[in-house]
């Protein structure tokens, strides 16, 4: 059972290991190994006064991996899941094991959607994001932008052409989506 003070298995004795593994025991002398004090099993040395830690409340609604029976005794609550990105992350934990690529790809997609949601929220706030200053594009001009990219053996030269699309694409697409949404709403209003 996870998160307990007891050792999960008993180590084989030196005689058992010596019989099974040729040459085993070359480093048996504790004076030759600096890790010896850390290898001693002494539950009282940690200062913990529990066998199983007290559980933090609210773990029922937290996302957990399929591999685990329950959420760890202590978990973070500073950034609760919200919106479409939260739904994507919940689906990743509910449906796929941590050993599957789909689990991690969905978590990455949830992060990207969360970034887009944050940009959308900033557009309707009193202080919207400023993509020009926040991407550091103005700092490029003073630091040899062309020569620093092409005269060195850089691995990102092959996909450098995509960088403006990735950075500026969402900012250019957002007004287009808003305009199309308004036009569709006006069309529906005229029909009704």
N, C-alpha and C. Protein backbone atom coordinates (compact mmCIF):
# COMPACT_ATOMS: atom_id res chain seq x y z
N UNK A 1 0.85 -1.18 0.00
CA UNK A 1 0.00 0.00 0.00
C UNK A 1 0.89 1.24 0.00
N UNK A 2 0.61 2.25 -0.83
CA UNK A 2 1.47 3.42 -0.92
C UNK A 2 1.31 4.34 0.28
N UNK A 3 2.31 5.19 0.48
CA UNK A 3 2.30 6.24 1.50
C UNK A 3 2.28 5.71 2.92
N UNK A 4 2.91 4.60 3.19
CA UNK A 4 2.99 4.09 4.56
C UNK A 4 4.45 4.11 5.00
N UNK A 5 4.64 4.00 6.31
CA UNK A 5 5.99 4.06 6.85
C UNK A 5 6.74 2.73 6.72
N UNK A 6 6.02 1.64 6.52
CA UNK A 6 6.68 0.33 6.48
C UNK A 6 7.40 0.12 5.15
N UNK A 7 8.47 -0.65 5.19
CA UNK A 7 9.25 -0.94 4.00
C UNK A 7 8.48 -1.90 3.11
N UNK A 8 8.43 -1.67 1.79
CA UNK A 8 7.60 -2.52 0.93
C UNK A 8 8.09 -3.95 0.78
N UNK A 9 9.38 -4.21 0.91
CA UNK A 9 9.89 -5.57 0.76
C UNK A 9 11.15 -5.73 1.61
N UNK A 10 11.49 -6.96 1.85
CA UNK A 10 12.69 -7.25 2.65
C UNK A 10 13.85 -7.49 1.69
N UNK A 11 14.96 -6.81 1.96
CA UNK A 11 16.16 -6.98 1.13
C UNK A 11 16.75 -8.38 1.36
N UNK A 12 17.27 -9.00 0.31
CA UNK A 12 17.93 -10.29 0.48
C UNK A 12 19.19 -10.13 1.33
N UNK A 13 19.57 -11.16 2.01
CA UNK A 13 20.77 -11.11 2.87
C UNK A 13 22.03 -11.11 2.00
N UNK A 14 23.16 -10.63 2.56
CA UNK A 14 24.40 -10.63 1.78
C UNK A 14 24.80 -12.02 1.30
N UNK A 15 24.54 -13.04 2.11
CA UNK A 15 24.90 -14.40 1.68
C UNK A 15 24.06 -14.84 0.49
N UNK A 16 22.78 -14.51 0.51
CA UNK A 16 21.91 -14.85 -0.63
C UNK A 16 22.38 -14.15 -1.89
N UNK A 17 22.74 -12.88 -1.77
CA UNK A 17 23.20 -12.13 -2.94
C UNK A 17 24.54 -12.65 -3.44
N UNK A 18 25.46 -12.97 -2.53
CA UNK A 18 26.77 -13.48 -2.92
C UNK A 18 26.64 -14.80 -3.65
N UNK A 19 25.68 -15.64 -3.24
CA UNK A 19 25.47 -16.93 -3.89
C UNK A 19 24.84 -16.74 -5.28
N UNK A 20 24.03 -15.73 -5.42
CA UNK A 20 23.31 -15.53 -6.68
C UNK A 20 24.08 -14.69 -7.70
N UNK A 21 24.86 -13.70 -7.25
CA UNK A 21 25.53 -12.76 -8.15
C UNK A 21 27.04 -12.91 -8.01
N UNK A 22 27.74 -13.32 -9.07
CA UNK A 22 29.20 -13.46 -8.99
C UNK A 22 29.85 -12.09 -8.76
N UNK A 23 30.77 -12.03 -7.78
CA UNK A 23 31.49 -10.79 -7.50
C UNK A 23 30.73 -9.81 -6.64
N UNK A 24 29.57 -10.23 -6.13
CA UNK A 24 28.80 -9.30 -5.30
C UNK A 24 29.52 -9.08 -3.98
N UNK A 25 29.45 -7.86 -3.44
CA UNK A 25 30.00 -7.55 -2.14
C UNK A 25 31.33 -6.83 -2.19
N UNK A 26 31.73 -6.35 -3.34
CA UNK A 26 33.00 -5.63 -3.44
C UNK A 26 32.97 -4.33 -2.65
N UNK A 27 31.80 -3.75 -2.46
CA UNK A 27 31.68 -2.48 -1.75
C UNK A 27 31.00 -2.64 -0.39
N UNK A 28 31.17 -3.79 0.24
CA UNK A 28 30.51 -4.06 1.52
C UNK A 28 31.07 -3.23 2.68
N UNK A 29 32.30 -2.84 2.61
CA UNK A 29 32.89 -2.09 3.70
C UNK A 29 32.24 -0.70 3.79
N UNK A 30 31.56 -0.39 4.91
CA UNK A 30 30.87 0.90 5.03
C UNK A 30 31.80 2.10 4.91
N UNK A 31 33.07 1.93 5.18
CA UNK A 31 33.99 3.06 5.07
C UNK A 31 34.20 3.47 3.61
N UNK A 32 33.90 2.59 2.67
CA UNK A 32 34.08 2.90 1.25
C UNK A 32 32.83 3.52 0.63
N UNK A 33 31.74 3.56 1.36
CA UNK A 33 30.48 4.05 0.78
C UNK A 33 29.95 5.23 1.59
N UNK A 34 29.89 6.41 1.02
CA UNK A 34 29.38 7.57 1.76
C UNK A 34 27.87 7.53 1.99
N UNK A 35 27.15 6.66 1.31
CA UNK A 35 25.69 6.64 1.44
C UNK A 35 25.20 5.74 2.57
N UNK A 36 26.09 5.13 3.32
CA UNK A 36 25.68 4.18 4.35
C UNK A 36 24.72 4.77 5.37
N UNK A 37 24.96 5.98 5.93
CA UNK A 37 24.00 6.50 6.92
C UNK A 37 22.59 6.67 6.36
N UNK A 38 22.46 6.96 5.10
CA UNK A 38 21.14 7.15 4.51
C UNK A 38 20.43 5.82 4.26
N UNK A 39 21.15 4.74 4.19
CA UNK A 39 20.55 3.45 3.90
C UNK A 39 19.95 2.78 5.13
N UNK A 40 20.24 3.29 6.30
CA UNK A 40 19.70 2.68 7.51
C UNK A 40 18.22 2.99 7.61
N UNK A 41 17.44 1.96 7.87
CA UNK A 41 15.98 2.14 8.00
C UNK A 41 15.66 2.47 9.45
N UNK A 42 15.34 3.74 9.67
CA UNK A 42 15.01 4.20 11.01
C UNK A 42 13.83 5.15 10.91
N UNK A 43 12.59 4.63 11.05
CA UNK A 43 11.42 5.49 10.91
C UNK A 43 11.37 6.62 11.93
N UNK A 44 11.99 6.43 13.09
CA UNK A 44 11.98 7.48 14.12
C UNK A 44 12.88 8.65 13.79
N UNK A 45 13.84 8.46 12.88
CA UNK A 45 14.78 9.52 12.55
C UNK A 45 14.16 10.61 11.69
N UNK A 46 13.03 10.35 11.07
CA UNK A 46 12.43 11.35 10.17
C UNK A 46 11.64 12.40 10.92
N UNK A 47 11.21 12.12 12.14
CA UNK A 47 10.41 13.08 12.88
C UNK A 47 8.92 12.94 12.60
N UNK A 48 8.54 12.05 11.72
CA UNK A 48 7.12 11.84 11.43
C UNK A 48 6.49 11.02 12.55
N UNK A 49 5.35 11.45 13.04
CA UNK A 49 4.69 10.76 14.14
C UNK A 49 3.39 10.10 13.66
N UNK A 50 3.43 9.51 12.50
CA UNK A 50 2.24 8.88 11.94
C UNK A 50 2.67 7.67 11.12
N UNK A 51 1.75 6.74 10.96
CA UNK A 51 1.99 5.60 10.09
C UNK A 51 1.47 5.91 8.69
N UNK A 52 0.32 6.54 8.64
CA UNK A 52 -0.26 6.99 7.38
C UNK A 52 -0.62 8.47 7.57
N UNK A 53 -0.16 9.36 6.70
CA UNK A 53 -0.39 10.79 6.92
C UNK A 53 -1.86 11.16 6.89
N UNK A 54 -2.21 12.20 7.63
CA UNK A 54 -3.58 12.69 7.64
C UNK A 54 -3.93 13.22 6.26
N UNK A 55 -5.12 12.89 5.80
CA UNK A 55 -5.51 13.25 4.44
C UNK A 55 -6.05 14.68 4.38
N UNK A 56 -5.64 15.39 3.36
CA UNK A 56 -6.14 16.74 3.13
C UNK A 56 -7.57 16.64 2.62
N UNK A 57 -8.48 17.45 3.14
CA UNK A 57 -9.87 17.37 2.65
C UNK A 57 -9.99 17.87 1.21
N UNK A 58 -11.01 17.41 0.51
CA UNK A 58 -11.28 17.86 -0.86
C UNK A 58 -10.67 17.00 -1.94
N UNK A 59 -10.13 15.85 -1.60
CA UNK A 59 -9.47 15.01 -2.59
C UNK A 59 -10.43 14.26 -3.50
N UNK A 60 -11.71 14.21 -3.13
CA UNK A 60 -12.67 13.45 -3.94
C UNK A 60 -12.86 14.09 -5.31
N UNK A 61 -12.80 15.41 -5.38
CA UNK A 61 -13.06 16.09 -6.65
C UNK A 61 -11.78 16.37 -7.44
N UNK A 62 -10.64 15.97 -6.93
CA UNK A 62 -9.38 16.22 -7.62
C UNK A 62 -9.13 15.15 -8.67
N UNK A 63 -8.41 15.52 -9.71
CA UNK A 63 -8.07 14.56 -10.74
C UNK A 63 -6.90 13.71 -10.24
N UNK A 64 -6.96 12.43 -10.57
CA UNK A 64 -5.91 11.51 -10.18
C UNK A 64 -5.72 10.51 -11.31
N UNK A 65 -4.56 9.95 -11.34
CA UNK A 65 -4.22 8.98 -12.37
C UNK A 65 -4.98 7.68 -12.14
N UNK A 66 -5.25 6.97 -13.21
CA UNK A 66 -5.94 5.68 -13.11
C UNK A 66 -5.11 4.65 -12.36
N UNK A 67 -3.78 4.84 -12.35
CA UNK A 67 -2.90 3.88 -11.70
C UNK A 67 -3.00 3.94 -10.18
N UNK A 68 -3.48 5.05 -9.65
CA UNK A 68 -3.49 5.24 -8.20
C UNK A 68 -4.89 5.04 -7.63
N UNK A 69 -4.92 4.44 -6.44
CA UNK A 69 -6.19 4.15 -5.80
C UNK A 69 -6.86 5.42 -5.30
N UNK A 70 -6.04 6.37 -4.83
CA UNK A 70 -6.58 7.63 -4.31
C UNK A 70 -5.55 8.73 -4.52
N UNK A 71 -5.97 9.95 -4.28
CA UNK A 71 -5.09 11.10 -4.42
C UNK A 71 -4.07 11.07 -3.29
N UNK A 72 -2.90 11.62 -3.53
CA UNK A 72 -1.88 11.69 -2.49
C UNK A 72 -2.44 12.41 -1.26
N UNK A 73 -1.91 12.13 -0.08
CA UNK A 73 -2.46 12.76 1.12
C UNK A 73 -2.45 14.29 1.08
N UNK A 74 -1.47 14.88 0.42
CA UNK A 74 -1.41 16.34 0.29
C UNK A 74 -1.31 16.65 -1.19
N UNK A 75 -2.09 17.63 -1.64
CA UNK A 75 -2.09 18.00 -3.05
C UNK A 75 -2.33 19.49 -3.18
N UNK A 76 -2.00 20.03 -4.33
CA UNK A 76 -2.14 21.46 -4.56
C UNK A 76 -3.56 21.84 -4.94
N UNK A 77 -3.97 23.02 -4.48
CA UNK A 77 -5.30 23.53 -4.82
C UNK A 77 -5.21 24.97 -5.29
N UNK A 78 -4.03 25.46 -5.60
CA UNK A 78 -3.87 26.88 -5.94
C UNK A 78 -4.48 27.22 -7.30
N UNK A 79 -4.49 26.27 -8.22
CA UNK A 79 -5.02 26.54 -9.56
C UNK A 79 -6.04 25.47 -9.90
N UNK A 80 -7.30 25.66 -9.48
CA UNK A 80 -8.31 24.66 -9.80
C UNK A 80 -8.63 24.66 -11.30
N UNK A 81 -9.05 23.52 -11.80
CA UNK A 81 -9.38 23.40 -13.22
C UNK A 81 -10.64 24.19 -13.51
N UNK A 82 -10.65 24.82 -14.69
CA UNK A 82 -11.82 25.62 -15.08
C UNK A 82 -11.94 25.65 -16.59
N UNK A 83 -13.13 25.88 -17.07
CA UNK A 83 -13.36 26.07 -18.49
C UNK A 83 -13.12 24.84 -19.34
N UNK A 84 -12.93 25.09 -20.63
CA UNK A 84 -12.69 24.01 -21.58
C UNK A 84 -11.37 23.30 -21.30
N UNK A 85 -10.35 24.06 -20.89
CA UNK A 85 -9.06 23.44 -20.58
C UNK A 85 -9.19 22.47 -19.40
N UNK A 86 -9.99 22.83 -18.41
CA UNK A 86 -10.22 21.94 -17.27
C UNK A 86 -10.95 20.67 -17.69
N UNK A 87 -11.91 20.82 -18.60
CA UNK A 87 -12.65 19.64 -19.09
C UNK A 87 -11.71 18.70 -19.86
N UNK A 88 -10.79 19.27 -20.63
CA UNK A 88 -9.83 18.45 -21.37
C UNK A 88 -8.93 17.69 -20.41
N UNK A 89 -8.44 18.38 -19.39
CA UNK A 89 -7.55 17.73 -18.42
C UNK A 89 -8.29 16.65 -17.63
N UNK A 90 -9.51 16.93 -17.21
CA UNK A 90 -10.30 15.92 -16.48
C UNK A 90 -10.49 14.67 -17.34
N UNK A 91 -10.78 14.88 -18.63
CA UNK A 91 -10.96 13.76 -19.54
C UNK A 91 -9.68 12.94 -19.66
N UNK A 92 -8.52 13.62 -19.71
CA UNK A 92 -7.24 12.91 -19.82
C UNK A 92 -7.03 12.02 -18.61
N UNK A 93 -7.34 12.52 -17.41
CA UNK A 93 -7.15 11.72 -16.20
C UNK A 93 -8.20 10.62 -16.07
N UNK A 94 -9.40 10.89 -16.50
CA UNK A 94 -10.49 9.93 -16.34
C UNK A 94 -10.39 8.77 -17.33
N UNK A 95 -9.90 9.06 -18.52
CA UNK A 95 -9.97 8.08 -19.61
C UNK A 95 -8.66 7.33 -19.86
N UNK A 96 -7.52 8.01 -19.72
CA UNK A 96 -6.26 7.42 -20.16
C UNK A 96 -5.27 7.26 -19.01
N UNK A 97 -4.51 6.19 -19.06
CA UNK A 97 -3.45 5.91 -18.10
C UNK A 97 -2.27 6.85 -18.36
N UNK A 98 -1.43 7.06 -17.34
CA UNK A 98 -0.25 7.90 -17.51
C UNK A 98 0.76 7.28 -18.46
N UNK A 99 0.64 6.00 -18.72
CA UNK A 99 1.54 5.33 -19.64
C UNK A 99 1.16 5.52 -21.10
N UNK A 100 0.07 6.16 -21.38
CA UNK A 100 -0.40 6.37 -22.76
C UNK A 100 -0.04 7.76 -23.25
N UNK A 101 0.34 7.86 -24.48
CA UNK A 101 0.68 9.16 -25.06
C UNK A 101 -0.55 10.07 -25.11
N UNK A 102 -1.73 9.49 -25.29
CA UNK A 102 -2.95 10.29 -25.36
C UNK A 102 -3.16 11.09 -24.08
N UNK A 103 -2.82 10.52 -22.93
CA UNK A 103 -2.95 11.22 -21.66
C UNK A 103 -2.13 12.51 -21.67
N UNK A 104 -0.87 12.39 -22.05
CA UNK A 104 0.02 13.54 -22.02
C UNK A 104 -0.29 14.53 -23.12
N UNK A 105 -0.70 14.04 -24.30
CA UNK A 105 -1.06 14.96 -25.38
C UNK A 105 -2.30 15.77 -25.02
N UNK A 106 -3.25 15.13 -24.34
CA UNK A 106 -4.43 15.87 -23.90
C UNK A 106 -4.06 16.91 -22.83
N UNK A 107 -3.14 16.58 -21.94
CA UNK A 107 -2.70 17.56 -20.95
C UNK A 107 -2.00 18.75 -21.61
N UNK A 108 -1.21 18.47 -22.63
CA UNK A 108 -0.56 19.56 -23.37
C UNK A 108 -1.60 20.40 -24.10
N UNK A 109 -2.59 19.73 -24.70
CA UNK A 109 -3.66 20.47 -25.37
C UNK A 109 -4.43 21.32 -24.36
N UNK A 110 -4.66 20.78 -23.16
CA UNK A 110 -5.33 21.56 -22.12
C UNK A 110 -4.53 22.80 -21.75
N UNK A 111 -3.21 22.69 -21.71
CA UNK A 111 -2.37 23.86 -21.42
C UNK A 111 -2.50 24.90 -22.51
N UNK A 112 -2.50 24.45 -23.77
CA UNK A 112 -2.64 25.41 -24.88
C UNK A 112 -4.00 26.09 -24.83
N UNK A 113 -5.05 25.32 -24.59
CA UNK A 113 -6.39 25.90 -24.51
C UNK A 113 -6.47 26.88 -23.34
N UNK A 114 -5.81 26.55 -22.23
CA UNK A 114 -5.79 27.46 -21.09
C UNK A 114 -5.12 28.77 -21.46
N UNK A 115 -4.04 28.71 -22.24
CA UNK A 115 -3.38 29.94 -22.69
C UNK A 115 -4.31 30.76 -23.58
N UNK A 116 -5.03 30.10 -24.48
CA UNK A 116 -5.96 30.82 -25.34
C UNK A 116 -7.10 31.43 -24.53
N UNK A 117 -7.58 30.68 -23.53
CA UNK A 117 -8.62 31.23 -22.67
C UNK A 117 -8.12 32.46 -21.93
N UNK A 118 -6.88 32.42 -21.47
CA UNK A 118 -6.31 33.58 -20.77
C UNK A 118 -6.19 34.78 -21.72
N UNK A 119 -5.79 34.54 -22.96
CA UNK A 119 -5.72 35.63 -23.94
C UNK A 119 -7.11 36.20 -24.20
N UNK A 120 -8.09 35.33 -24.34
CA UNK A 120 -9.46 35.80 -24.58
C UNK A 120 -9.97 36.62 -23.39
N UNK A 121 -9.68 36.15 -22.16
CA UNK A 121 -10.09 36.92 -20.98
C UNK A 121 -9.40 38.28 -20.94
N UNK A 122 -8.15 38.32 -21.39
CA UNK A 122 -7.43 39.60 -21.35
C UNK A 122 -8.01 40.59 -22.35
N UNK A 123 -8.57 40.09 -23.46
CA UNK A 123 -9.15 40.99 -24.46
C UNK A 123 -10.37 41.73 -23.93
N UNK A 124 -11.10 41.11 -23.02
CA UNK A 124 -12.29 41.77 -22.48
C UNK A 124 -12.01 42.46 -21.14
N UNK A 125 -10.75 42.43 -20.69
CA UNK A 125 -10.41 43.10 -19.44
C UNK A 125 -9.99 44.54 -19.73
N UNK A 126 -9.75 45.29 -18.67
CA UNK A 126 -9.33 46.68 -18.84
C UNK A 126 -7.87 46.79 -19.24
N UNK A 127 -7.09 45.71 -19.05
CA UNK A 127 -5.68 45.72 -19.44
C UNK A 127 -5.39 44.49 -20.30
N UNK A 128 -5.68 44.56 -21.60
CA UNK A 128 -5.43 43.40 -22.45
C UNK A 128 -3.93 43.14 -22.61
N UNK A 129 -3.61 41.90 -22.96
CA UNK A 129 -2.21 41.53 -23.20
C UNK A 129 -1.66 42.35 -24.36
N UNK A 130 -0.36 42.59 -24.32
CA UNK A 130 0.31 43.31 -25.39
C UNK A 130 1.30 42.34 -26.05
N UNK A 131 0.92 41.73 -27.16
CA UNK A 131 1.78 40.70 -27.75
C UNK A 131 3.13 41.24 -28.23
N UNK A 132 3.22 42.51 -28.57
CA UNK A 132 4.48 43.06 -29.06
C UNK A 132 5.52 43.10 -27.94
N UNK A 133 5.14 43.62 -26.79
CA UNK A 133 6.12 43.73 -25.70
C UNK A 133 6.30 42.41 -24.95
N UNK A 134 5.27 41.58 -24.88
CA UNK A 134 5.36 40.35 -24.09
C UNK A 134 6.10 39.22 -24.79
N UNK A 135 6.24 39.28 -26.09
CA UNK A 135 6.98 38.24 -26.80
C UNK A 135 8.46 38.55 -26.91
N UNK A 136 8.88 39.77 -26.58
CA UNK A 136 10.28 40.15 -26.65
C UNK A 136 10.74 40.48 -28.06
N UNK A 137 9.81 40.73 -28.96
CA UNK A 137 10.17 41.00 -30.36
C UNK A 137 10.95 42.31 -30.49
N UNK A 138 10.68 43.27 -29.61
CA UNK A 138 11.40 44.54 -29.67
C UNK A 138 12.85 44.38 -29.24
N UNK A 139 13.15 43.45 -28.38
CA UNK A 139 14.53 43.22 -27.95
C UNK A 139 15.36 42.56 -29.04
N UNK A 140 14.72 41.89 -29.98
CA UNK A 140 15.43 41.22 -31.06
C UNK A 140 16.22 42.21 -31.91
N UNK A 141 15.64 43.36 -32.19
CA UNK A 141 16.25 44.30 -33.12
C UNK A 141 17.62 44.76 -32.65
N UNK A 142 17.82 44.93 -31.37
CA UNK A 142 19.10 45.42 -30.87
C UNK A 142 20.15 44.36 -30.64
N UNK A 143 19.86 43.12 -30.91
CA UNK A 143 20.80 42.04 -30.61
C UNK A 143 21.11 41.18 -31.83
N UNK A 144 21.37 41.78 -32.95
CA UNK A 144 21.78 41.09 -34.18
C UNK A 144 20.83 39.94 -34.54
N UNK A 145 19.60 40.24 -34.88
CA UNK A 145 18.62 39.16 -35.10
C UNK A 145 18.95 38.25 -36.28
N UNK A 146 19.51 38.77 -37.35
CA UNK A 146 19.77 37.93 -38.52
C UNK A 146 21.05 37.11 -38.32
N UNK A 147 22.13 37.78 -37.93
CA UNK A 147 23.39 37.05 -37.81
C UNK A 147 23.37 36.03 -36.68
N UNK A 148 22.63 36.31 -35.61
CA UNK A 148 22.58 35.36 -34.51
C UNK A 148 21.78 34.11 -34.88
N UNK A 149 20.97 34.20 -35.90
CA UNK A 149 20.15 33.05 -36.28
C UNK A 149 20.83 32.19 -37.35
N UNK A 150 21.56 32.77 -38.27
CA UNK A 150 22.03 32.01 -39.42
C UNK A 150 23.53 31.72 -39.42
N UNK A 151 24.33 32.37 -38.62
CA UNK A 151 25.77 32.12 -38.67
C UNK A 151 26.19 31.07 -37.66
N UNK A 152 25.28 30.54 -36.90
CA UNK A 152 25.62 29.53 -35.90
C UNK A 152 24.91 28.24 -36.25
N UNK A 153 25.33 27.18 -35.60
CA UNK A 153 24.73 25.87 -35.82
C UNK A 153 23.50 25.73 -34.91
N UNK A 154 22.41 26.38 -35.26
CA UNK A 154 21.21 26.36 -34.43
C UNK A 154 20.23 25.31 -34.94
N UNK A 155 19.61 24.61 -34.03
CA UNK A 155 18.68 23.55 -34.42
C UNK A 155 17.31 24.10 -34.78
N UNK A 156 16.99 25.33 -34.37
CA UNK A 156 15.65 25.85 -34.62
C UNK A 156 15.53 26.60 -35.95
N UNK A 157 16.58 26.64 -36.76
CA UNK A 157 16.52 27.35 -38.03
C UNK A 157 15.49 26.73 -38.96
N UNK A 158 15.34 25.41 -38.90
CA UNK A 158 14.42 24.73 -39.82
C UNK A 158 12.96 25.07 -39.57
N UNK A 159 12.60 25.39 -38.34
CA UNK A 159 11.18 25.72 -38.09
C UNK A 159 10.99 27.18 -37.68
N UNK A 160 12.00 28.01 -37.94
CA UNK A 160 11.92 29.42 -37.57
C UNK A 160 10.82 30.17 -38.31
N UNK A 161 10.50 29.73 -39.51
CA UNK A 161 9.48 30.40 -40.30
C UNK A 161 8.10 30.29 -39.65
N UNK A 162 7.91 29.27 -38.79
CA UNK A 162 6.61 29.09 -38.14
C UNK A 162 6.42 30.00 -36.93
N UNK A 163 7.50 30.52 -36.36
CA UNK A 163 7.40 31.29 -35.13
C UNK A 163 6.45 32.48 -35.24
N UNK A 164 6.51 33.31 -36.29
CA UNK A 164 5.54 34.41 -36.37
C UNK A 164 4.08 33.92 -36.45
N UNK A 165 3.87 32.79 -37.11
CA UNK A 165 2.50 32.26 -37.20
C UNK A 165 2.00 31.80 -35.83
N UNK A 166 2.88 31.14 -35.07
CA UNK A 166 2.49 30.63 -33.77
C UNK A 166 2.24 31.77 -32.78
N UNK A 167 3.10 32.79 -32.83
CA UNK A 167 2.97 33.90 -31.88
C UNK A 167 1.85 34.85 -32.30
N UNK A 168 1.84 35.24 -33.56
CA UNK A 168 0.87 36.24 -34.01
C UNK A 168 -0.45 35.62 -34.48
N UNK A 169 -0.43 34.34 -34.83
CA UNK A 169 -1.64 33.70 -35.36
C UNK A 169 -2.87 33.85 -34.48
N UNK A 170 -2.80 33.49 -33.20
CA UNK A 170 -3.99 33.66 -32.35
C UNK A 170 -4.45 35.11 -32.24
N UNK A 171 -3.50 36.04 -32.24
CA UNK A 171 -3.88 37.46 -32.13
C UNK A 171 -4.55 37.95 -33.41
N UNK A 172 -4.15 37.41 -34.54
CA UNK A 172 -4.79 37.79 -35.80
C UNK A 172 -6.11 37.05 -35.99
N UNK A 173 -6.19 35.82 -35.49
CA UNK A 173 -7.41 35.04 -35.65
C UNK A 173 -8.53 35.51 -34.72
N UNK A 174 -8.20 36.03 -33.56
CA UNK A 174 -9.22 36.43 -32.58
C UNK A 174 -10.18 37.49 -33.14
N UNK A 175 -9.70 38.58 -33.75
CA UNK A 175 -10.65 39.55 -34.30
C UNK A 175 -11.51 38.97 -35.43
N UNK A 176 -10.91 38.08 -36.22
CA UNK A 176 -11.67 37.46 -37.31
C UNK A 176 -12.81 36.62 -36.73
N UNK A 177 -12.53 35.86 -35.69
CA UNK A 177 -13.56 35.04 -35.05
C UNK A 177 -14.65 35.93 -34.46
N UNK A 178 -14.27 37.02 -33.84
CA UNK A 178 -15.26 37.95 -33.25
C UNK A 178 -16.14 38.54 -34.34
N UNK A 179 -15.52 39.00 -35.43
CA UNK A 179 -16.30 39.59 -36.53
C UNK A 179 -17.25 38.56 -37.14
N UNK A 180 -16.77 37.34 -37.37
CA UNK A 180 -17.64 36.30 -37.92
C UNK A 180 -18.78 35.97 -36.96
N UNK A 181 -18.50 35.94 -35.68
CA UNK A 181 -19.55 35.69 -34.68
C UNK A 181 -20.60 36.77 -34.68
N UNK A 182 -20.18 38.01 -34.77
CA UNK A 182 -21.14 39.13 -34.80
C UNK A 182 -21.98 39.08 -36.06
N UNK A 183 -21.34 38.79 -37.20
CA UNK A 183 -22.09 38.70 -38.46
C UNK A 183 -23.13 37.58 -38.40
N UNK A 184 -22.74 36.44 -37.83
CA UNK A 184 -23.68 35.32 -37.73
C UNK A 184 -24.84 35.69 -36.81
N UNK A 185 -24.56 36.38 -35.72
CA UNK A 185 -25.63 36.79 -34.80
C UNK A 185 -26.57 37.79 -35.46
N UNK A 186 -26.01 38.71 -36.24
CA UNK A 186 -26.86 39.69 -36.94
C UNK A 186 -27.72 39.00 -38.00
N UNK A 187 -27.16 38.02 -38.72
CA UNK A 187 -27.94 37.28 -39.71
C UNK A 187 -29.11 36.55 -39.05
N UNK A 188 -28.83 35.89 -37.92
CA UNK A 188 -29.91 35.18 -37.20
C UNK A 188 -30.98 36.15 -36.73
N UNK A 189 -30.57 37.30 -36.35
CA UNK A 189 -31.52 38.30 -35.84
C UNK A 189 -32.41 38.81 -36.99
N UNK A 190 -31.82 38.98 -38.18
CA UNK A 190 -32.61 39.43 -39.34
C UNK A 190 -33.62 38.37 -39.78
N UNK A 191 -33.19 37.08 -39.70
CA UNK A 191 -34.07 35.99 -40.11
C UNK A 191 -35.24 35.88 -39.14
N UNK A 192 -34.97 36.04 -37.86
CA UNK A 192 -36.02 35.88 -36.84
C UNK A 192 -36.90 37.06 -36.79
